[in-house]
Protein backbone atom coordinates (compact mmCIF):
# COMPACT_ATOMS: atom_id res chain seq x y z
CA MET A 1 0.00 0.00 0.00
CA ARG A 2 1.61 3.26 -1.15
CA GLN A 3 0.57 6.54 0.47
CA ILE A 4 1.89 10.07 0.10
CA VAL A 5 1.73 12.67 2.88
CA LEU A 6 1.78 16.15 1.37
CA ASP A 7 1.92 19.82 2.32
CA THR A 8 2.31 23.09 0.43
CA GLU A 9 3.24 26.69 1.16
CA THR A 10 1.70 29.53 -0.85
CA THR A 11 1.94 33.24 -1.55
CA GLY A 12 -1.43 33.89 0.12
CA LEU A 13 -4.76 32.38 1.01
CA GLU A 14 -6.85 32.52 -2.17
CA PRO A 15 -5.96 30.95 -5.53
CA GLN A 16 -8.97 32.83 -6.93
CA GLN A 17 -6.92 36.00 -6.33
CA GLY A 18 -3.99 34.59 -8.29
CA HIS A 19 -1.98 33.32 -5.34
CA ARG A 20 0.48 30.54 -6.17
CA VAL A 21 2.22 27.53 -4.69
CA ILE A 22 5.82 28.27 -3.64
CA GLU A 23 6.79 25.02 -1.92
CA ILE A 24 5.68 21.39 -2.18
CA GLY A 25 6.80 18.76 0.29
CA ALA A 26 5.70 15.13 0.19
CA VAL A 27 6.92 11.93 1.83
CA GLU A 28 6.23 8.32 0.90
CA LEU A 29 4.69 5.62 3.09
CA ILE A 30 4.63 2.00 1.99
CA ASP A 31 2.73 -0.42 4.21
CA ARG A 32 2.54 2.34 6.85
CA LYS A 33 6.30 2.83 6.99
CA LEU A 34 8.28 5.89 5.91
CA THR A 35 10.55 4.83 3.07
CA GLY A 36 12.84 7.87 2.99
CA ARG A 37 11.68 8.80 -0.52
CA HIS A 38 10.28 12.28 -0.83
CA PHE A 39 9.37 15.02 -3.28
CA HIS A 40 10.44 18.54 -2.35
CA LYS A 41 10.55 21.66 -4.50
CA TYR A 42 10.69 25.41 -3.93
CA LEU A 43 8.92 27.28 -6.75
CA ASN A 44 9.16 30.72 -8.28
CA PRO A 45 5.58 32.09 -8.14
CA GLU A 46 6.31 35.07 -10.42
CA ARG A 47 4.27 37.32 -8.14
CA ASP A 48 4.32 39.06 -4.76
CA ILE A 49 4.09 37.17 -1.46
CA ASP A 50 1.59 38.46 1.11
CA ASP A 51 3.13 39.74 4.34
CA GLY A 52 0.94 37.40 6.37
CA ALA A 53 2.06 34.39 4.35
CA PHE A 54 5.72 35.37 4.70
CA GLU A 55 5.34 35.52 8.47
CA VAL A 56 4.11 31.91 8.41
CA HIS A 57 6.74 30.30 6.16
CA GLY A 58 9.56 32.83 5.86
CA LEU A 59 10.02 32.27 2.10
CA SER A 60 10.91 35.52 0.33
CA GLN A 61 10.64 36.53 -3.30
CA GLU A 62 14.41 36.98 -3.37
CA PHE A 63 14.98 33.40 -2.20
CA LEU A 64 12.50 32.01 -4.73
CA SER A 65 13.59 34.12 -7.69
CA ASP A 66 15.97 31.47 -9.11
CA LYS A 67 13.76 28.47 -8.35
CA PRO A 68 11.90 26.50 -11.07
CA ARG A 69 8.35 27.32 -12.14
CA PHE A 70 5.56 24.86 -11.38
CA ALA A 71 5.41 23.90 -15.06
CA GLU A 72 9.02 22.71 -14.86
CA VAL A 73 8.38 20.23 -12.03
CA VAL A 74 4.80 19.15 -12.71
CA ASP A 75 5.72 15.91 -14.50
CA ASP A 76 7.86 14.72 -11.59
CA PHE A 77 5.17 15.76 -9.12
CA VAL A 78 2.40 13.93 -10.98
CA SER A 79 4.57 10.83 -11.24
CA PHE A 80 5.15 10.90 -7.47
CA VAL A 81 1.49 11.18 -6.43
CA LYS A 82 -0.38 9.43 -9.25
CA ASN A 83 -2.48 6.39 -8.31
CA THR A 84 -1.75 6.73 -4.59
CA GLU A 85 -3.64 7.85 -1.51
CA VAL A 86 -2.52 11.39 -0.74
CA ILE A 87 -2.94 12.52 2.86
CA ILE A 88 -3.21 16.27 3.46
CA HIS A 89 -4.15 18.27 6.55
CA ASN A 90 -7.00 20.60 5.58
CA ALA A 91 -6.90 19.09 2.11
CA GLY A 92 -9.31 21.58 0.54
CA PHE A 93 -6.74 24.37 0.87
CA ASP A 94 -3.78 22.58 -0.72
CA VAL A 95 -5.86 20.84 -3.38
CA SER A 96 -7.44 24.12 -4.52
CA PHE A 97 -3.97 25.60 -5.04
CA LEU A 98 -2.62 22.54 -6.87
CA ASP A 99 -5.71 22.43 -9.09
CA TYR A 100 -5.19 26.12 -9.85
CA GLU A 101 -1.56 25.45 -10.81
CA PHE A 102 -2.73 22.64 -13.11
CA SER A 103 -5.27 24.98 -14.73
CA LEU A 104 -2.51 27.43 -15.72
CA LEU A 105 -0.60 24.82 -17.73
CA LYS A 106 -0.86 24.47 -21.50
CA GLN A 107 -1.38 20.74 -21.03
CA SER A 108 -3.10 20.15 -17.72
CA PRO A 109 -3.02 16.69 -16.13
CA GLY A 110 -6.53 17.37 -14.79
CA LYS A 111 -7.26 17.81 -11.11
CA MET A 112 -5.73 16.21 -8.04
CA ALA A 113 -8.86 14.13 -7.43
CA SER A 114 -8.45 12.56 -10.88
CA LEU A 115 -4.82 11.63 -10.19
CA CYS A 116 -5.08 10.17 -6.70
CA ARG A 117 -7.36 9.46 -3.76
CA ILE A 118 -7.29 12.34 -1.29
CA THR A 119 -7.62 11.85 2.48
CA ASP A 120 -8.11 14.88 4.70
CA SER A 121 -6.36 14.20 8.02
CA LEU A 122 -8.01 17.29 9.54
CA ALA A 123 -11.47 15.80 8.88
CA MET A 124 -10.27 12.53 10.41
CA ALA A 125 -8.98 14.33 13.52
CA ARG A 126 -12.20 16.34 13.92
CA HIS A 127 -14.22 13.14 13.73
CA LYS A 128 -12.02 11.46 16.34
CA HIS A 129 -11.65 14.50 18.61
CA PRO A 130 -14.81 16.63 18.19
CA GLY A 131 -14.79 20.02 19.85
CA GLN A 132 -11.01 20.02 20.35
CA LYS A 133 -8.18 21.82 18.59
CA ASN A 134 -7.02 19.69 15.69
CA ASN A 135 -4.35 21.77 14.00
CA LEU A 136 -0.99 20.08 13.48
CA ASP A 137 0.62 21.54 16.61
CA ALA A 138 -2.31 20.44 18.80
CA LEU A 139 -2.21 16.93 17.36
CA CYS A 140 1.53 16.73 17.96
CA ARG A 141 0.92 17.52 21.63
CA ARG A 142 -1.95 15.04 21.85
CA TYR A 143 -0.02 12.19 20.25
CA GLN A 144 3.40 13.15 21.63
CA VAL A 145 4.93 13.72 18.19
CA ASP A 146 8.12 15.78 18.33
CA ASN A 147 7.68 19.04 16.40
CA SER A 148 10.42 21.00 18.17
CA ALA A 149 12.10 21.78 14.83
CA ARG A 150 8.95 23.53 13.59
CA THR A 151 9.69 27.21 14.22
CA LEU A 152 8.30 28.22 10.82
CA HIS A 153 5.99 26.29 8.54
CA GLY A 154 7.88 24.34 5.90
CA ALA A 155 6.21 21.96 3.46
CA LEU A 156 8.62 19.04 3.75
CA LEU A 157 9.01 19.26 7.53
CA ASP A 158 5.24 19.58 7.98
CA ALA A 159 4.69 16.57 5.71
CA GLU A 160 7.11 14.50 7.79
CA ILE A 161 5.40 15.57 11.04
CA LEU A 162 1.96 14.92 9.56
CA ALA A 163 3.06 11.40 8.57
CA ASP A 164 3.86 10.65 12.22
CA VAL A 165 0.57 12.19 13.36
CA TYR A 166 -1.42 10.27 10.73
CA LEU A 167 0.14 6.97 11.78
CA ALA A 168 -0.68 7.75 15.41
CA ILE A 169 -4.30 8.70 14.61
CA THR A 170 -4.83 5.54 12.59
CA GLY A 171 -3.11 3.16 15.00
CA GLY A 172 0.55 3.77 14.35
CA GLN A 173 1.64 1.61 17.30
CA THR A 174 1.43 -1.39 14.98
CA VAL A 175 4.32 0.12 13.04
CA LEU A 176 6.36 0.90 16.13
CA PHE A 177 6.43 -2.77 17.12
CA ALA A 178 6.79 -4.19 13.62
CA SER A 179 10.45 -5.16 14.05
CA ALA A 180 9.78 -6.95 17.33
CA GLN A 181 6.87 -8.76 15.71
CA ASN A 182 9.08 -9.90 12.84
CA ASP A 183 11.70 -11.16 15.32
CA ALA A 184 9.03 -13.19 17.13
CA ILE A 185 7.89 -14.79 13.88
CA GLU A 186 11.48 -15.74 12.98
CA MET A 187 11.83 -17.42 16.40
CA GLY A 188 8.78 -19.56 15.73
CA PHE A 189 6.16 -17.58 17.65
CA ASP A 190 2.91 -16.39 16.11
CA PRO A 191 2.14 -12.88 17.49
CA ALA A 192 -1.47 -13.27 16.38
CA GLN A 193 -1.99 -16.20 18.75
CA PRO A 194 -2.29 -15.78 22.53
CA ALA A 195 0.50 -17.30 24.57
CA SER A 196 -0.46 -20.69 26.04
CA LEU A 197 0.40 -21.73 29.60
CA PRO A 198 2.07 -25.08 30.29
CA ASP A 199 -0.24 -27.91 31.36
CA ASP A 200 1.77 -28.55 34.54
CA ARG A 201 1.52 -24.96 35.74
CA PRO A 202 0.56 -25.00 39.48
CA PRO A 203 -2.76 -23.36 40.44
CA LEU A 204 -2.68 -19.79 41.65
CA LYS A 205 -2.36 -19.44 45.39
CA VAL A 206 -5.40 -17.83 47.06
CA ILE A 207 -4.57 -15.77 50.15
CA MET A 208 -7.53 -15.30 52.51
CA PRO A 209 -7.83 -12.15 54.66
CA SER A 210 -7.02 -12.39 58.35
CA ALA A 211 -9.56 -11.66 61.10
CA GLU A 212 -7.88 -8.29 61.70
CA GLU A 213 -8.13 -7.38 57.99
CA LEU A 214 -11.81 -8.36 57.88
CA ALA A 215 -12.51 -6.24 60.99
CA ALA A 216 -10.72 -3.25 59.44
CA HIS A 217 -12.75 -3.70 56.25
CA GLU A 218 -16.02 -3.76 58.20
CA ALA A 219 -15.00 -0.64 60.09
CA LEU A 220 -14.35 1.16 56.80
CA LEU A 221 -17.79 0.10 55.49
CA ASP A 222 -19.37 1.47 58.70
CA THR A 223 -17.71 4.81 57.97
CA LEU A 224 -19.01 4.77 54.39
CA ASP A 225 -22.51 3.89 55.62
CA ALA A 226 -22.45 6.84 58.00
CA ALA A 227 -21.36 9.21 55.23
CA SER A 228 -23.60 8.00 52.39
CA GLY A 229 -26.41 6.12 54.03
CA ALA A 230 -25.74 2.78 52.34
CA SER A 231 -22.43 1.38 51.19
CA LEU A 232 -22.56 -0.27 47.77
CA TRP A 233 -20.02 -2.82 48.95
CA ARG A 234 -22.58 -4.31 51.33
CA GLN A 235 -25.14 -4.53 48.53
CA LEU A 236 -22.94 -6.75 46.38
CA PRO A 237 -23.81 -10.48 46.32
CA VAL A 238 -21.35 -12.65 48.24
């Protein structure tokens, strides 16, 4: 199973106002494991960058001036994401920008939804944690994912962090113990089967309370009766 975790940075908030993608970061998961393969490009947007956007990602027009245009990297990008599940946090935002970039090309590959299956990890988090903060920083705190390197937003770093968060949301502990599970299988154990106890195992020893312990217990129940009127312990069948 091949999945891609993706993030973008942009010149502003609205592609309808001509804002462009200036960074794409994506990492590859195969069978829920990071492979080390990634796609990462800075892009020359050929337009101004909003002050608010610059404060978020710190990418300046000067830095991006010698970077490739989207049209120059689109083939490699499409090849990386095509026929996969692409996981994006707040997918509507990034997809709208990528679709806009496609629409500006002389030969458009279509839209993201026609290239791959899109999963919105924000929608997943909201479903799992309704009424709570579900931005990437909040999810990192909730799932104890280290995001200490995230001083500014960066597409590749955010994609890597989101991959860890996604695995945690969807039961990532199965990946954490994968190597130990493989070792057990090689040693002849089946992790899917419960461990069996030997037939000659002695019965568990039952230790009965002493008279003093029973008296102390009754005294405690008397205290509870006085405070609440009727202790539930005394209502339990013996």
